[in-house]
Amino acid sequence: MKKVGNLKVGDTAIYIQDDNIKVSKVVKKPIDDGLTRPIFKIGRKDLANGDYLINGEDVYDSLEEASTALIDKLEKDLKKYEDEKIIAEGMIILTKYKLERLNGHMAE
């Protein structure tokens, strides 16, 4: 794995975007005249597929390395969502209890 800043025009960039592995060549000029890109150009690498990468982002040496990184990311995301679900279920139980207690108090 390396950082975007190490790429030069003509290099192949293997990167992860929106939970997908993408591959494209670094180009000198963007294909869409910069309409959807940040105004700054220093630290940005334009790609032949219309995407761009920003310095500091990760690029991978192989599809296998990118796949491993994506699997790790998705496993971490899954763990986070499972933890959030447990917390939400606990909050639902507490809120129902509070409602029942308040409704019971109002009936008295």
PDB file of N, CA and C in Angstrom:
ATOM      1  N   MET A   1       0.855  -1.169   0.000  1.00  0.00           N
ATOM      2  CA  MET A   1       0.000   0.000   0.000  1.00  0.00           C
ATOM      3  C   MET A   1       0.903   1.234   0.000  1.00  0.00           C
ATOM      4  N   LYS A   2       0.433   2.263  -0.695  1.00  0.00           N
ATOM      5  CA  LYS A   2       1.140   3.536  -0.710  1.00  0.00           C
ATOM      6  C   LYS A   2       0.110   4.657  -0.670  1.00  0.00           C
ATOM      7  N   LYS A   3       0.583   5.848  -0.620  1.00  0.00           N
ATOM      8  CA  LYS A   3      -0.298   7.018  -0.585  1.00  0.00           C
ATOM      9  C   LYS A   3      -0.423   7.610  -1.985  1.00  0.00           C
ATOM     10  N   VAL A   4      -1.486   8.330  -2.212  1.00  0.00           N
ATOM     11  CA  VAL A   4      -1.779   8.928  -3.507  1.00  0.00           C
ATOM     12  C   VAL A   4      -0.645   9.832  -3.984  1.00  0.00           C
ATOM     13  N   GLY A   5      -0.028  10.536  -3.071  1.00  0.00           N
ATOM     14  CA  GLY A   5       1.041  11.470  -3.437  1.00  0.00           C
ATOM     15  C   GLY A   5       2.194  10.824  -4.176  1.00  0.00           C
ATOM     16  N   ASN A   6       2.350   9.517  -4.065  1.00  0.00           N
ATOM     17  CA  ASN A   6       3.445   8.822  -4.737  1.00  0.00           C
ATOM     18  C   ASN A   6       3.144   8.525  -6.203  1.00  0.00           C
ATOM     19  N   LEU A   7       1.916   8.736  -6.647  1.00  0.00           N
ATOM     20  CA  LEU A   7       1.530   8.417  -8.022  1.00  0.00           C
ATOM     21  C   LEU A   7       1.962   9.508  -8.990  1.00  0.00           C
ATOM     22  N   LYS A   8       2.301   9.079 -10.202  1.00  0.00           N
ATOM     23  CA  LYS A   8       2.661  10.004 -11.278  1.00  0.00           C
ATOM     24  C   LYS A   8       1.736   9.742 -12.464  1.00  0.00           C
ATOM     25  N   VAL A   9       1.685  10.676 -13.382  1.00  0.00           N
ATOM     26  CA  VAL A   9       0.874  10.515 -14.587  1.00  0.00           C
ATOM     27  C   VAL A   9       1.269   9.224 -15.289  1.00  0.00           C
ATOM     28  N   GLY A  10       0.262   8.426 -15.633  1.00  0.00           N
ATOM     29  CA  GLY A  10       0.497   7.145 -16.295  1.00  0.00           C
ATOM     30  C   GLY A  10       0.503   5.958 -15.353  1.00  0.00           C
ATOM     31  N   ASP A  11       0.674   6.200 -14.047  1.00  0.00           N
ATOM     32  CA  ASP A  11       0.649   5.110 -13.072  1.00  0.00           C
ATOM     33  C   ASP A  11      -0.769   4.555 -12.946  1.00  0.00           C
ATOM     34  N   THR A  12      -0.859   3.296 -12.601  1.00  0.00           N
ATOM     35  CA  THR A  12      -2.146   2.667 -12.334  1.00  0.00           C
ATOM     36  C   THR A  12      -2.480   2.836 -10.862  1.00  0.00           C
ATOM     37  N   ALA A  13      -3.684   3.286 -10.596  1.00  0.00           N
ATOM     38  CA  ALA A  13      -4.154   3.453  -9.221  1.00  0.00           C
ATOM     39  C   ALA A  13      -5.198   2.378  -8.937  1.00  0.00           C
ATOM     40  N   ILE A  14      -4.945   1.585  -7.919  1.00  0.00           N
ATOM     41  CA  ILE A  14      -5.917   0.614  -7.412  1.00  0.00           C
ATOM     42  C   ILE A  14      -6.388   1.191  -6.081  1.00  0.00           C
ATOM     43  N   TYR A  15      -7.684   1.482  -5.979  1.00  0.00           N
ATOM     44  CA  TYR A  15      -8.183   2.175  -4.797  1.00  0.00           C
ATOM     45  C   TYR A  15      -9.584   1.686  -4.448  1.00  0.00           C
ATOM     46  N   ILE A  16     -10.014   2.040  -3.238  1.00  0.00           N
ATOM     47  CA  ILE A  16     -11.343   1.674  -2.761  1.00  0.00           C
ATOM     48  C   ILE A  16     -12.190   2.942  -2.710  1.00  0.00           C
ATOM     49  N   GLN A  17     -13.386   2.842  -3.309  1.00  0.00           N
ATOM     50  CA  GLN A  17     -14.321   3.966  -3.279  1.00  0.00           C
ATOM     51  C   GLN A  17     -15.731   3.407  -3.149  1.00  0.00           C
ATOM     52  N   ASP A  18     -16.451   3.880  -2.163  1.00  0.00           N
ATOM     53  CA  ASP A  18     -17.827   3.428  -1.930  1.00  0.00           C
ATOM     54  C   ASP A  18     -17.913   1.905  -1.812  1.00  0.00           C
ATOM     55  N   ASP A  19     -17.018   1.311  -1.082  1.00  0.00           N
ATOM     56  CA  ASP A  19     -16.972  -0.142  -0.857  1.00  0.00           C
ATOM     57  C   ASP A  19     -16.809  -0.937  -2.151  1.00  0.00           C
ATOM     58  N   ASN A  20     -16.171  -0.333  -3.136  1.00  0.00           N
ATOM     59  CA  ASN A  20     -15.837  -1.017  -4.381  1.00  0.00           C
ATOM     60  C   ASN A  20     -14.353  -0.822  -4.662  1.00  0.00           C
ATOM     61  N   ILE A  21     -13.750  -1.817  -5.284  1.00  0.00           N
ATOM     62  CA  ILE A  21     -12.359  -1.695  -5.710  1.00  0.00           C
ATOM     63  C   ILE A  21     -12.370  -1.174  -7.139  1.00  0.00           C
ATOM     64  N   LYS A  22     -11.606  -0.113  -7.371  1.00  0.00           N
ATOM     65  CA  LYS A  22     -11.539   0.483  -8.696  1.00  0.00           C
ATOM     66  C   LYS A  22     -10.091   0.534  -9.166  1.00  0.00           C
ATOM     67  N   VAL A  23      -9.927   0.511 -10.480  1.00  0.00           N
ATOM     68  CA  VAL A  23      -8.603   0.583 -11.088  1.00  0.00           C
ATOM     69  C   VAL A  23      -8.666   1.598 -12.216  1.00  0.00           C
ATOM     70  N   SER A  24      -7.709   2.531 -12.242  1.00  0.00           N
ATOM     71  CA  SER A  24      -7.659   3.519 -13.304  1.00  0.00           C
ATOM     72  C   SER A  24      -6.246   4.066 -13.412  1.00  0.00           C
ATOM     73  N   LYS A  25      -5.962   4.727 -14.508  1.00  0.00           N
ATOM     74  CA  LYS A  25      -4.658   5.375 -14.736  1.00  0.00           C
ATOM     75  C   LYS A  25      -4.727   6.837 -14.303  1.00  0.00           C
ATOM     76  N   VAL A  26      -3.609   7.329 -13.798  1.00  0.00           N
ATOM     77  CA  VAL A  26      -3.497   8.740 -13.450  1.00  0.00           C
ATOM     78  C   VAL A  26      -3.295   9.519 -14.751  1.00  0.00           C
ATOM     79  N   VAL A  27      -4.083  10.583 -14.929  1.00  0.00           N
ATOM     80  CA  VAL A  27      -3.978  11.420 -16.122  1.00  0.00           C
ATOM     81  C   VAL A  27      -3.583  12.840 -15.730  1.00  0.00           C
ATOM     82  N   LYS A  28      -3.096  13.583 -16.713  1.00  0.00           N
ATOM     83  CA  LYS A  28      -2.663  14.952 -16.448  1.00  0.00           C
ATOM     84  C   LYS A  28      -3.845  15.906 -16.304  1.00  0.00           C
ATOM     85  N   LYS A  29      -4.856  15.748 -17.158  1.00  0.00           N
ATOM     86  CA  LYS A  29      -6.024  16.639 -17.129  1.00  0.00           C
ATOM     87  C   LYS A  29      -7.283  15.828 -16.883  1.00  0.00           C
ATOM     88  N   PRO A  30      -8.194  16.342 -16.073  1.00  0.00           N
ATOM     89  CA  PRO A  30      -9.462  15.632 -15.842  1.00  0.00           C
ATOM     90  C   PRO A  30     -10.297  15.600 -17.115  1.00  0.00           C
ATOM     91  N   ILE A  31     -11.131  14.574 -17.240  1.00  0.00           N
ATOM     92  CA  ILE A  31     -11.934  14.424 -18.449  1.00  0.00           C
ATOM     93  C   ILE A  31     -13.185  15.286 -18.461  1.00  0.00           C
ATOM     94  N   ASP A  32     -13.548  15.866 -17.314  1.00  0.00           N
ATOM     95  CA  ASP A  32     -14.783  16.654 -17.263  1.00  0.00           C
ATOM     96  C   ASP A  32     -14.529  18.127 -16.977  1.00  0.00           C
ATOM     97  N   ASP A  33     -13.333  18.614 -17.275  1.00  0.00           N
ATOM     98  CA  ASP A  33     -12.966  20.021 -17.090  1.00  0.00           C
ATOM     99  C   ASP A  33     -13.127  20.506 -15.647  1.00  0.00           C
ATOM    100  N   GLY A  34     -13.078  19.614 -14.691  1.00  0.00           N
ATOM    101  CA  GLY A  34     -13.097  19.992 -13.283  1.00  0.00           C
ATOM    102  C   GLY A  34     -14.446  20.412 -12.739  1.00  0.00           C
ATOM    103  N   LEU A  35     -15.531  20.123 -13.430  1.00  0.00           N
ATOM    104  CA  LEU A  35     -16.847  20.571 -12.969  1.00  0.00           C
ATOM    105  C   LEU A  35     -17.247  19.951 -11.631  1.00  0.00           C
ATOM    106  N   THR A  36     -16.851  18.714 -11.369  1.00  0.00           N
ATOM    107  CA  THR A  36     -17.247  18.058 -10.126  1.00  0.00           C
ATOM    108  C   THR A  36     -16.067  17.864  -9.180  1.00  0.00           C
ATOM    109  N   ARG A  37     -14.949  18.487  -9.480  1.00  0.00           N
ATOM    110  CA  ARG A  37     -13.748  18.308  -8.674  1.00  0.00           C
ATOM    111  C   ARG A  37     -13.523  19.520  -7.768  1.00  0.00           C
ATOM    112  N   PRO A  38     -12.785  19.303  -6.680  1.00  0.00           N
ATOM    113  CA  PRO A  38     -12.403  20.462  -5.862  1.00  0.00           C
ATOM    114  C   PRO A  38     -11.572  21.423  -6.709  1.00  0.00           C
ATOM    115  N   ILE A  39     -11.631  22.702  -6.392  1.00  0.00           N
ATOM    116  CA  ILE A  39     -10.915  23.708  -7.167  1.00  0.00           C
ATOM    117  C   ILE A  39      -9.405  23.506  -7.071  1.00  0.00           C
ATOM    118  N   PHE A  40      -8.908  23.117  -5.904  1.00  0.00           N
ATOM    119  CA  PHE A  40      -7.464  22.967  -5.748  1.00  0.00           C
ATOM    120  C   PHE A  40      -6.937  21.851  -6.648  1.00  0.00           C
ATOM    121  N   LYS A  41      -5.724  22.010  -7.111  1.00  0.00           N
ATOM    122  CA  LYS A  41      -5.104  20.993  -7.957  1.00  0.00           C
ATOM    123  C   LYS A  41      -3.906  20.354  -7.282  1.00  0.00           C
ATOM    124  N   ILE A  42      -3.254  21.066  -6.386  1.00  0.00           N
ATOM    125  CA  ILE A  42      -2.122  20.498  -5.672  1.00  0.00           C
ATOM    126  C   ILE A  42      -2.676  19.458  -4.705  1.00  0.00           C
ATOM    127  N   GLY A  43      -2.168  18.254  -4.771  1.00  0.00           N
ATOM    128  CA  GLY A  43      -2.628  17.196  -3.881  1.00  0.00           C
ATOM    129  C   GLY A  43      -3.761  16.380  -4.445  1.00  0.00           C
ATOM    130  N   ARG A  44      -4.172  16.663  -5.682  1.00  0.00           N
ATOM    131  CA  ARG A  44      -5.251  15.910  -6.320  1.00  0.00           C
ATOM    132  C   ARG A  44      -4.681  15.160  -7.523  1.00  0.00           C
ATOM    133  N   LYS A  45      -5.054  13.899  -7.647  1.00  0.00           N
ATOM    134  CA  LYS A  45      -4.656  13.089  -8.799  1.00  0.00           C
ATOM    135  C   LYS A  45      -5.914  12.750  -9.587  1.00  0.00           C
ATOM    136  N   ASP A  46      -5.971  13.218 -10.823  1.00  0.00           N
ATOM    137  CA  ASP A  46      -7.110  12.942 -11.693  1.00  0.00           C
ATOM    138  C   ASP A  46      -6.910  11.597 -12.373  1.00  0.00           C
ATOM    139  N   LEU A  47      -8.007  10.872 -12.550  1.00  0.00           N
ATOM    140  CA  LEU A  47      -7.942   9.523 -13.115  1.00  0.00           C
ATOM    141  C   LEU A  47      -8.694   9.449 -14.436  1.00  0.00           C
ATOM    142  N   ALA A  48      -8.292   8.496 -15.261  1.00  0.00           N
ATOM    143  CA  ALA A  48      -8.864   8.326 -16.596  1.00  0.00           C
ATOM    144  C   ALA A  48     -10.346   7.963 -16.551  1.00  0.00           C
ATOM    145  N   ASN A  49     -10.813   7.384 -15.463  1.00  0.00           N
ATOM    146  CA  ASN A  49     -12.226   6.998 -15.370  1.00  0.00           C
ATOM    147  C   ASN A  49     -13.119   8.136 -14.869  1.00  0.00           C
ATOM    148  N   GLY A  50     -12.549   9.323 -14.685  1.00  0.00           N
ATOM    149  CA  GLY A  50     -13.329  10.470 -14.226  1.00  0.00           C
ATOM    150  C   GLY A  50     -13.253  10.713 -12.733  1.00  0.00           C
ATOM    151  N   ASP A  51     -12.766   9.752 -11.970  1.00  0.00           N
ATOM    152  CA  ASP A  51     -12.602   9.927 -10.526  1.00  0.00           C
ATOM    153  C   ASP A  51     -11.354  10.771 -10.255  1.00  0.00           C
ATOM    154  N   TYR A  52     -11.178  11.133  -8.997  1.00  0.00           N
ATOM    155  CA  TYR A  52      -9.950  11.777  -8.559  1.00  0.00           C
ATOM    156  C   TYR A  52      -9.640  11.271  -7.157  1.00  0.00           C
ATOM    157  N   LEU A  53      -8.368  11.332  -6.810  1.00  0.00           N
ATOM    158  CA  LEU A  53      -7.913  10.939  -5.480  1.00  0.00           C
ATOM    159  C   LEU A  53      -7.203  12.123  -4.852  1.00  0.00           C
ATOM    160  N   ILE A  54      -7.242  12.201  -3.539  1.00  0.00           N
ATOM    161  CA  ILE A  54      -6.626  13.278  -2.781  1.00  0.00           C
ATOM    162  C   ILE A  54      -5.422  12.713  -2.018  1.00  0.00           C
ATOM    163  N   ASN A  55      -4.355  13.526  -1.941  1.00  0.00           N
ATOM    164  CA  ASN A  55      -3.179  13.093  -1.171  1.00  0.00           C
ATOM    165  C   ASN A  55      -3.592  12.619   0.210  1.00  0.00           C
ATOM    166  N   GLY A  56      -2.956  11.563   0.658  1.00  0.00           N
ATOM    167  CA  GLY A  56      -3.264  10.982   1.955  1.00  0.00           C
ATOM    168  C   GLY A  56      -4.140   9.751   1.844  1.00  0.00           C
ATOM    169  N   GLU A  57      -4.888   9.626   0.731  1.00  0.00           N
ATOM    170  CA  GLU A  57      -5.699   8.430   0.533  1.00  0.00           C
ATOM    171  C   GLU A  57      -4.787   7.263   0.185  1.00  0.00           C
ATOM    172  N   ASP A  58      -5.290   6.058   0.428  1.00  0.00           N
ATOM    173  CA  ASP A  58      -4.511   4.858   0.153  1.00  0.00           C
ATOM    174  C   ASP A  58      -4.746   4.362  -1.266  1.00  0.00           C
ATOM    175  N   VAL A  59      -3.656   3.913  -1.887  1.00  0.00           N
ATOM    176  CA  VAL A  59      -3.731   3.170  -3.139  1.00  0.00           C
ATOM    177  C   VAL A  59      -2.982   1.869  -2.904  1.00  0.00           C
ATOM    178  N   TYR A  60      -3.346   0.846  -3.624  1.00  0.00           N
ATOM    179  CA  TYR A  60      -2.837  -0.492  -3.343  1.00  0.00           C
ATOM    180  C   TYR A  60      -1.963  -0.992  -4.480  1.00  0.00           C
ATOM    181  N   ASP A  61      -1.062  -1.890  -4.135  1.00  0.00           N
ATOM    182  CA  ASP A  61      -0.122  -2.444  -5.104  1.00  0.00           C
ATOM    183  C   ASP A  61      -0.735  -3.557  -5.935  1.00  0.00           C
ATOM    184  N   SER A  62      -1.822  -4.150  -5.433  1.00  0.00           N
ATOM    185  CA  SER A  62      -2.454  -5.259  -6.155  1.00  0.00           C
ATOM    186  C   SER A  62      -3.939  -5.323  -5.802  1.00  0.00           C
ATOM    187  N   LEU A  63      -4.678  -6.022  -6.646  1.00  0.00           N
ATOM    188  CA  LEU A  63      -6.100  -6.230  -6.365  1.00  0.00           C
ATOM    189  C   LEU A  63      -6.285  -7.057  -5.099  1.00  0.00           C
ATOM    190  N   GLU A  64      -5.388  -8.003  -4.857  1.00  0.00           N
ATOM    191  CA  GLU A  64      -5.481  -8.837  -3.650  1.00  0.00           C
ATOM    192  C   GLU A  64      -5.314  -7.995  -2.393  1.00  0.00           C
ATOM    193  N   GLU A  65      -4.354  -7.066  -2.422  1.00  0.00           N
ATOM    194  CA  GLU A  65      -4.132  -6.195  -1.270  1.00  0.00           C
ATOM    195  C   GLU A  65      -5.359  -5.303  -1.035  1.00  0.00           C
ATOM    196  N   ALA A  66      -5.926  -4.776  -2.111  1.00  0.00           N
ATOM    197  CA  ALA A  66      -7.121  -3.950  -1.985  1.00  0.00           C
ATOM    198  C   ALA A  66      -8.291  -4.773  -1.464  1.00  0.00           C
ATOM    199  N   SER A  67      -8.425  -6.016  -1.940  1.00  0.00           N
ATOM    200  CA  SER A  67      -9.504  -6.894  -1.469  1.00  0.00           C
ATOM    201  C   SER A  67      -9.383  -7.160   0.019  1.00  0.00           C
ATOM    202  N   THR A  68      -8.186  -7.440   0.471  1.00  0.00           N
ATOM    203  CA  THR A  68      -7.948  -7.680   1.902  1.00  0.00           C
ATOM    204  C   THR A  68      -8.305  -6.446   2.717  1.00  0.00           C
ATOM    205  N   ALA A  69      -7.903  -5.272   2.246  1.00  0.00           N
ATOM    206  CA  ALA A  69      -8.214  -4.025   2.956  1.00  0.00           C
ATOM    207  C   ALA A  69      -9.717  -3.779   2.983  1.00  0.00           C
ATOM    208  N   LEU A  70     -10.408  -4.057   1.880  1.00  0.00           N
ATOM    209  CA  LEU A  70     -11.861  -3.858   1.830  1.00  0.00           C
ATOM    210  C   LEU A  70     -12.577  -4.834   2.753  1.00  0.00           C
ATOM    211  N   ILE A  71     -12.129  -6.080   2.784  1.00  0.00           N
ATOM    212  CA  ILE A  71     -12.716  -7.066   3.697  1.00  0.00           C
ATOM    213  C   ILE A  71     -12.546  -6.614   5.142  1.00  0.00           C
ATOM    214  N   ASP A  72     -11.343  -6.141   5.497  1.00  0.00           N
ATOM    215  CA  ASP A  72     -11.098  -5.647   6.862  1.00  0.00           C
ATOM    216  C   ASP A  72     -12.028  -4.480   7.189  1.00  0.00           C
ATOM    217  N   LYS A  73     -12.181  -3.557   6.248  1.00  0.00           N
ATOM    218  CA  LYS A  73     -13.044  -2.402   6.464  1.00  0.00           C
ATOM    219  C   LYS A  73     -14.492  -2.835   6.667  1.00  0.00           C
ATOM    220  N   LEU A  74     -14.973  -3.743   5.823  1.00  0.00           N
ATOM    221  CA  LEU A  74     -16.360  -4.187   5.933  1.00  0.00           C
ATOM    222  C   LEU A  74     -16.603  -4.962   7.227  1.00  0.00           C
ATOM    223  N   GLU A  75     -15.619  -5.751   7.664  1.00  0.00           N
ATOM    224  CA  GLU A  75     -15.759  -6.462   8.942  1.00  0.00           C
ATOM    225  C   GLU A  75     -15.845  -5.474  10.104  1.00  0.00           C
ATOM    226  N   LYS A  76     -15.044  -4.396  10.065  1.00  0.00           N
ATOM    227  CA  LYS A  76     -15.104  -3.372  11.108  1.00  0.00           C
ATOM    228  C   LYS A  76     -16.448  -2.648  11.077  1.00  0.00           C
ATOM    229  N   ASP A  77     -16.922  -2.335   9.856  1.00  0.00           N
ATOM    230  CA  ASP A  77     -18.231  -1.687   9.726  1.00  0.00           C
ATOM    231  C   ASP A  77     -19.335  -2.565  10.300  1.00  0.00           C
ATOM    232  N   LEU A  78     -19.298  -3.861   9.987  1.00  0.00           N
ATOM    233  CA  LEU A  78     -20.297  -4.797  10.481  1.00  0.00           C
ATOM    234  C   LEU A  78     -20.295  -4.842  12.002  1.00  0.00           C
ATOM    235  N   LYS A  79     -19.127  -4.912  12.610  1.00  0.00           N
ATOM    236  CA  LYS A  79     -19.012  -4.930  14.072  1.00  0.00           C
ATOM    237  C   LYS A  79     -19.598  -3.649  14.659  1.00  0.00           C
ATOM    238  N   LYS A  80     -19.288  -2.513  14.035  1.00  0.00           N
ATOM    239  CA  LYS A  80     -19.814  -1.233  14.504  1.00  0.00           C
ATOM    240  C   LYS A  80     -21.336  -1.213  14.435  1.00  0.00           C
ATOM    241  N   TYR A  81     -21.900  -1.672  13.325  1.00  0.00           N
ATOM    242  CA  TYR A  81     -23.358  -1.681  13.173  1.00  0.00           C
ATOM    243  C   TYR A  81     -24.016  -2.640  14.168  1.00  0.00           C
ATOM    244  N   GLU A  82     -23.374  -3.789  14.411  1.00  0.00           N
ATOM    245  CA  GLU A  82     -23.923  -4.728  15.395  1.00  0.00           C
ATOM    246  C   GLU A  82     -23.906  -4.115  16.783  1.00  0.00           C
ATOM    247  N   ASP A  83     -22.827  -3.400  17.124  1.00  0.00           N
ATOM    248  CA  ASP A  83     -22.757  -2.725  18.423  1.00  0.00           C
ATOM    249  C   ASP A  83     -23.832  -1.648  18.539  1.00  0.00           C
ATOM    250  N   GLU A  84     -24.011  -0.874  17.456  1.00  0.00           N
ATOM    251  CA  GLU A  84     -25.038   0.166  17.461  1.00  0.00           C
ATOM    252  C   GLU A  84     -26.435  -0.445  17.606  1.00  0.00           C
ATOM    253  N   LYS A  85     -26.651  -1.605  17.003  1.00  0.00           N
ATOM    254  CA  LYS A  85     -27.947  -2.279  17.098  1.00  0.00           C
ATOM    255  C   LYS A  85     -28.224  -2.704  18.542  1.00  0.00           C
ATOM    256  N   ILE A  86     -27.221  -3.232  19.216  1.00  0.00           N
ATOM    257  CA  ILE A  86     -27.371  -3.649  20.611  1.00  0.00           C
ATOM    258  C   ILE A  86     -27.732  -2.444  21.480  1.00  0.00           C
ATOM    259  N   ILE A  87     -27.036  -1.335  21.255  1.00  0.00           N
ATOM    260  CA  ILE A  87     -27.318  -0.121  22.025  1.00  0.00           C
ATOM    261  C   ILE A  87     -28.737   0.367  21.729  1.00  0.00           C
ATOM    262  N   ALA A  88     -29.127   0.372  20.451  1.00  0.00           N
ATOM    263  CA  ALA A  88     -30.469   0.827  20.069  1.00  0.00           C
ATOM    264  C   ALA A  88     -31.547  -0.060  20.688  1.00  0.00           C
ATOM    265  N   GLU A  89     -31.325  -1.373  20.685  1.00  0.00           N
ATOM    266  CA  GLU A  89     -32.309  -2.282  21.288  1.00  0.00           C
ATOM    267  C   GLU A  89     -32.457  -2.006  22.775  1.00  0.00           C
ATOM    268  N   GLY A  90     -31.365  -1.715  23.448  1.00  0.00           N
ATOM    269  CA  GLY A  90     -31.419  -1.366  24.871  1.00  0.00           C
ATOM    270  C   GLY A  90     -32.172  -0.064  25.104  1.00  0.00           C
ATOM    271  N   MET A  91     -31.948   0.911  24.234  1.00  0.00           N
ATOM    272  CA  MET A  91     -32.646   2.191  24.355  1.00  0.00           C
ATOM    273  C   MET A  91     -34.144   2.021  24.095  1.00  0.00           C
ATOM    274  N   ILE A  92     -34.509   1.148  23.177  1.00  0.00           N
ATOM    275  CA  ILE A  92     -35.924   0.877  22.911  1.00  0.00           C
ATOM    276  C   ILE A  92     -36.586   0.285  24.152  1.00  0.00           C
ATOM    277  N   ILE A  93     -35.941  -0.672  24.788  1.00  0.00           N
ATOM    278  CA  ILE A  93     -36.481  -1.293  26.000  1.00  0.00           C
ATOM    279  C   ILE A  93     -36.645  -0.251  27.102  1.00  0.00           C
ATOM    280  N   LEU A  94     -35.620   0.583  27.306  1.00  0.00           N
ATOM    281  CA  LEU A  94     -35.704   1.616  28.339  1.00  0.00           C
ATOM    282  C   LEU A  94     -36.818   2.621  28.057  1.00  0.00           C
ATOM    283  N   THR A  95     -36.950   3.023  26.813  1.00  0.00           N
ATOM    284  CA  THR A  95     -37.982   3.994  26.448  1.00  0.00           C
ATOM    285  C   THR A  95     -39.374   3.408  26.628  1.00  0.00           C
ATOM    286  N   LYS A  96     -39.557   2.154  26.251  1.00  0.00           N
ATOM    287  CA  LYS A  96     -40.853   1.499  26.458  1.00  0.00           C
ATOM    288  C   LYS A  96     -41.174   1.414  27.941  1.00  0.00           C
ATOM    289  N   TYR A  97     -40.181   1.093  28.749  1.00  0.00           N
ATOM    290  CA  TYR A  97     -40.378   1.010  30.193  1.00  0.00           C
ATOM    291  C   TYR A  97     -40.812   2.370  30.743  1.00  0.00           C
ATOM    292  N   LYS A  98     -40.131   3.434  30.295  1.00  0.00           N
ATOM    293  CA  LYS A  98     -40.481   4.775  30.762  1.00  0.00           C
ATOM    294  C   LYS A  98     -41.901   5.148  30.352  1.00  0.00           C
ATOM    295  N   LEU A  99     -42.264   4.812  29.108  1.00  0.00           N
ATOM    296  CA  LEU A  99     -43.627   5.094  28.640  1.00  0.00           C
ATOM    297  C   LEU A  99     -44.661   4.332  29.452  1.00  0.00           C
ATOM    298  N   GLU A 100     -44.415   3.060  29.705  1.00  0.00           N
ATOM    299  CA  GLU A 100     -45.352   2.254  30.496  1.00  0.00           C
ATOM    300  C   GLU A 100     -45.491   2.834  31.891  1.00  0.00           C
ATOM    301  N   ARG A 101     -44.368   3.240  32.465  1.00  0.00           N
ATOM    302  CA  ARG A 101     -44.391   3.806  33.816  1.00  0.00           C
ATOM    303  C   ARG A 101     -45.171   5.119  33.834  1.00  0.00           C
ATOM    304  N   LEU A 102     -44.945   5.957  32.826  1.00  0.00           N
ATOM    305  CA  LEU A 102     -45.660   7.227  32.768  1.00  0.00           C
ATOM    306  C   LEU A 102     -47.142   6.998  32.486  1.00  0.00           C
ATOM    307  N   ASN A 103     -47.449   6.103  31.573  1.00  0.00           N
ATOM    308  CA  ASN A 103     -48.853   5.820  31.279  1.00  0.00           C
ATOM    309  C   ASN A 103     -49.566   5.237  32.489  1.00  0.00           C
ATOM    310  N   GLY A 104     -48.908   4.399  33.237  1.00  0.00           N
ATOM    311  CA  GLY A 104     -49.481   3.832  34.460  1.00  0.00           C
ATOM    312  C   GLY A 104     -49.695   4.894  35.512  1.00  0.00           C
ATOM    313  N   HIS A 105     -48.776   5.843  35.616  1.00  0.00           N
ATOM    314  CA  HIS A 105     -48.892   6.931  36.579  1.00  0.00           C
ATOM    315  C   HIS A 105     -50.030   7.864  36.202  1.00  0.00           C
ATOM    316  N   MET A 106     -50.240   8.068  34.917  1.00  0.00           N
ATOM    317  CA  MET A 106     -51.323   8.951  34.448  1.00  0.00           C
ATOM    318  C   MET A 106     -52.689   8.317  34.704  1.00  0.00           C
ATOM    319  N   ALA A 107     -52.753   6.987  34.684  1.00  0.00           N
ATOM    320  CA  ALA A 107     -54.035   6.284  34.864  1.00  0.00           C
ATOM    321  C   ALA A 107     -54.494   6.334  36.321  1.00  0.00           C
ATOM    322  N   GLU A 108     -53.582   6.571  37.229  1.00  0.00           N
ATOM    323  CA  GLU A 108     -53.938   6.582  38.658  1.00  0.00           C
ATOM    324  C   GLU A 108     -54.731   7.785  39.053  1.00  0.00           C
TER     325      GLU A 108
END
